[in-house]
Amino acid sequence: MATRKEGYKSLLRLLQRFADRHGSSKQQVCRQKKTQEVLESTCFLFGQLFHNTYPDLSPDCLYNADETGIYFDMCPSSIWAVRGGGSYVANSETHSNRITALMTVRPDGLKLPILFVIRGEPGGVIETNEFNEYPPGHFYAMQKKAWMNGDV
């Protein structure tokens, strides 16, 4: 006769297989340290303080910018392999490629062109030979680690 613990594990495995089959994954819940009301109140108070401090500032002089890292060509942390077979991956690199994207918007809704900071040697092959093939309408810069710094 199966115990309650074995039944739970069996049900959990069934649910995990179902989730895998349908593209879902188990994730940890993130808890906020402050309530939503406190966060909204802080945002509102900052907005009031800012507009009281700079009452004559035109909306076309304000910019909201945020940068985000984009990783591509990442090496897999695990692979599917036939049981009993080898799990060798040929030509696997140990580092992924990285781009930093800086996106900026004004209060009037105008979105500025994206600044892409690409990992590579400034003045190197990518910058001299490939920049003109990148999509027009945005800005591109090279940096050794693709981070925003004082030069970019």
Protein backbone atom coordinates (compact mmCIF):
# COMPACT_ATOMS: atom_id res chain seq x y z
CA MET A 1 0.00 0.00 0.00
CA ALA A 2 1.35 3.42 -0.97
CA THR A 3 2.00 5.95 1.74
CA ARG A 4 0.74 9.52 1.64
CA LYS A 5 4.30 10.82 1.01
CA GLU A 6 4.77 8.53 -2.02
CA GLY A 7 1.39 9.60 -3.39
CA TYR A 8 2.38 13.26 -3.08
CA LYS A 9 5.70 12.65 -4.86
CA SER A 10 3.90 10.77 -7.62
CA LEU A 11 1.42 13.63 -8.09
CA LEU A 12 4.26 16.16 -8.06
CA ARG A 13 6.14 14.23 -10.78
CA LEU A 14 2.95 14.07 -12.86
CA LEU A 15 2.48 17.83 -12.55
CA GLN A 16 6.14 18.50 -13.37
CA ARG A 17 5.94 16.37 -16.53
CA PHE A 18 2.71 18.14 -17.53
CA ALA A 19 4.33 21.55 -16.96
CA ASP A 20 7.44 20.56 -18.95
CA ARG A 21 5.33 19.26 -21.81
CA HIS A 22 3.40 22.55 -21.98
CA GLY A 23 6.38 24.91 -21.59
CA SER A 24 5.91 25.94 -17.96
CA SER A 25 8.49 25.94 -15.21
CA LYS A 26 8.61 26.09 -11.42
CA GLN A 27 9.70 29.50 -10.16
CA GLN A 28 10.26 31.13 -6.80
CA VAL A 29 7.84 33.78 -5.58
CA CYS A 30 9.39 37.23 -5.16
CA ARG A 31 8.12 39.20 -2.21
CA GLN A 32 8.22 42.99 -2.08
CA LYS A 33 9.68 44.53 1.04
CA LYS A 34 7.16 47.37 0.89
CA THR A 35 3.46 47.31 0.07
CA GLN A 36 2.17 48.59 -3.24
CA GLU A 37 0.46 51.51 -1.45
CA VAL A 38 3.77 52.62 0.11
CA LEU A 39 5.54 52.40 -3.27
CA GLU A 40 2.80 54.41 -5.02
CA SER A 41 2.84 57.01 -2.22
CA THR A 42 6.63 57.37 -2.53
CA CYS A 43 6.32 57.80 -6.29
CA PHE A 44 3.58 60.43 -5.90
CA LEU A 45 5.56 62.37 -3.26
CA PHE A 46 8.68 62.34 -5.44
CA GLY A 47 6.64 63.64 -8.38
CA GLN A 48 5.25 66.47 -6.26
CA LEU A 49 8.70 67.37 -4.92
CA PHE A 50 10.22 67.33 -8.41
CA HIS A 51 7.51 69.53 -9.96
CA ASN A 52 7.62 71.95 -7.00
CA THR A 53 11.42 72.20 -7.30
CA TYR A 54 11.42 72.61 -11.12
CA PRO A 55 8.06 74.24 -11.98
CA ASP A 56 9.22 75.81 -15.26
CA LEU A 57 10.86 72.68 -16.69
CA SER A 58 9.39 71.82 -20.07
CA PRO A 59 8.37 68.16 -20.68
CA ASP A 60 10.62 68.02 -23.75
CA CYS A 61 13.62 68.53 -21.42
CA LEU A 62 12.85 65.45 -19.30
CA TYR A 63 14.15 62.02 -20.23
CA ASN A 64 13.54 58.62 -18.67
CA ALA A 65 16.33 56.21 -19.57
CA ASP A 66 16.90 52.59 -18.62
CA GLU A 67 19.57 50.15 -19.67
CA THR A 68 19.23 46.40 -19.92
CA GLY A 69 21.67 43.63 -20.75
CA ILE A 70 20.83 41.24 -23.58
CA TYR A 71 22.63 37.90 -23.69
CA PHE A 72 22.68 35.74 -26.82
CA ASP A 73 24.49 32.66 -28.08
CA MET A 74 24.51 31.37 -24.52
CA CYS A 75 26.06 28.03 -23.78
CA PRO A 76 23.59 25.49 -22.45
CA SER A 77 23.91 24.52 -18.81
CA SER A 78 22.48 21.09 -19.62
CA ILE A 79 21.67 19.11 -22.75
CA TRP A 80 19.50 16.17 -23.75
CA ALA A 81 21.51 13.05 -24.48
CA VAL A 82 20.70 9.44 -25.27
CA ARG A 83 21.05 7.25 -22.18
CA GLY A 84 24.38 5.52 -22.19
CA GLY A 85 25.66 7.89 -24.89
CA GLY A 86 28.13 10.70 -24.55
CA SER A 87 27.19 14.24 -23.64
CA TYR A 88 29.98 15.93 -25.57
CA VAL A 89 29.22 19.28 -27.21
CA ALA A 90 31.58 20.30 -29.99
CA ASN A 91 32.72 23.90 -30.40
CA SER A 92 31.13 25.13 -27.19
CA GLU A 93 32.28 28.53 -26.01
CA THR A 94 32.47 29.36 -22.34
CA HIS A 95 31.13 32.93 -22.66
CA SER A 96 27.96 34.30 -24.17
CA ASN A 97 27.80 37.43 -26.26
CA ARG A 98 26.34 40.49 -24.60
CA ILE A 99 24.77 43.75 -25.75
CA THR A 100 23.56 46.56 -23.50
CA ALA A 101 20.55 48.50 -24.78
CA LEU A 102 19.82 52.01 -23.49
CA MET A 103 16.21 52.99 -24.12
CA THR A 104 15.00 56.56 -23.55
CA VAL A 105 11.54 58.15 -23.61
CA ARG A 106 10.24 61.66 -22.95
CA PRO A 107 7.05 62.53 -21.01
CA ASP A 108 5.35 63.54 -24.26
CA GLY A 109 5.72 59.93 -25.47
CA LEU A 110 8.59 60.47 -27.91
CA LYS A 111 10.87 57.42 -27.95
CA LEU A 112 14.47 58.20 -28.77
CA PRO A 113 16.64 55.86 -30.86
CA ILE A 114 18.12 52.96 -28.91
CA LEU A 115 21.81 53.05 -28.03
CA PHE A 116 23.31 49.57 -28.33
CA VAL A 117 26.64 48.99 -26.57
CA ILE A 118 28.25 45.94 -28.17
CA ARG A 119 30.92 43.77 -26.61
CA GLY A 120 34.12 44.03 -28.62
CA GLU A 121 37.32 45.95 -29.15
CA PRO A 122 36.73 49.67 -29.84
CA GLY A 123 38.02 50.40 -33.35
CA GLY A 124 38.16 46.67 -34.07
CA VAL A 125 36.72 44.52 -36.86
CA ILE A 126 33.08 44.71 -35.73
CA GLU A 127 33.11 48.49 -35.43
CA THR A 128 34.92 49.12 -38.71
CA ASN A 129 33.31 46.43 -40.90
CA GLU A 130 29.87 45.59 -39.47
CA PHE A 131 28.34 48.78 -38.03
CA ASN A 132 27.05 49.94 -41.43
CA GLU A 133 25.15 46.63 -41.79
CA TYR A 134 23.25 47.10 -38.51
CA PRO A 135 19.64 48.37 -38.68
CA PRO A 136 19.50 52.13 -39.30
CA GLY A 137 17.79 54.55 -36.94
CA HIS A 138 19.68 53.55 -33.79
CA PHE A 139 23.11 54.27 -32.35
CA TYR A 140 25.88 51.71 -31.80
CA ALA A 141 29.01 51.81 -29.66
CA MET A 142 31.77 49.33 -28.85
CA GLN A 143 33.05 48.59 -25.37
CA LYS A 144 35.24 45.72 -24.15
CA LYS A 145 32.61 44.30 -21.78
CA ALA A 146 29.46 45.91 -23.29
CA TRP A 147 28.85 47.96 -20.14
CA MET A 148 27.79 51.58 -19.96
CA ASN A 149 30.72 53.65 -18.68
CA GLY A 150 32.10 57.19 -18.83
CA ASP A 151 33.07 56.79 -22.49
CA VAL A 152 29.70 55.47 -23.64
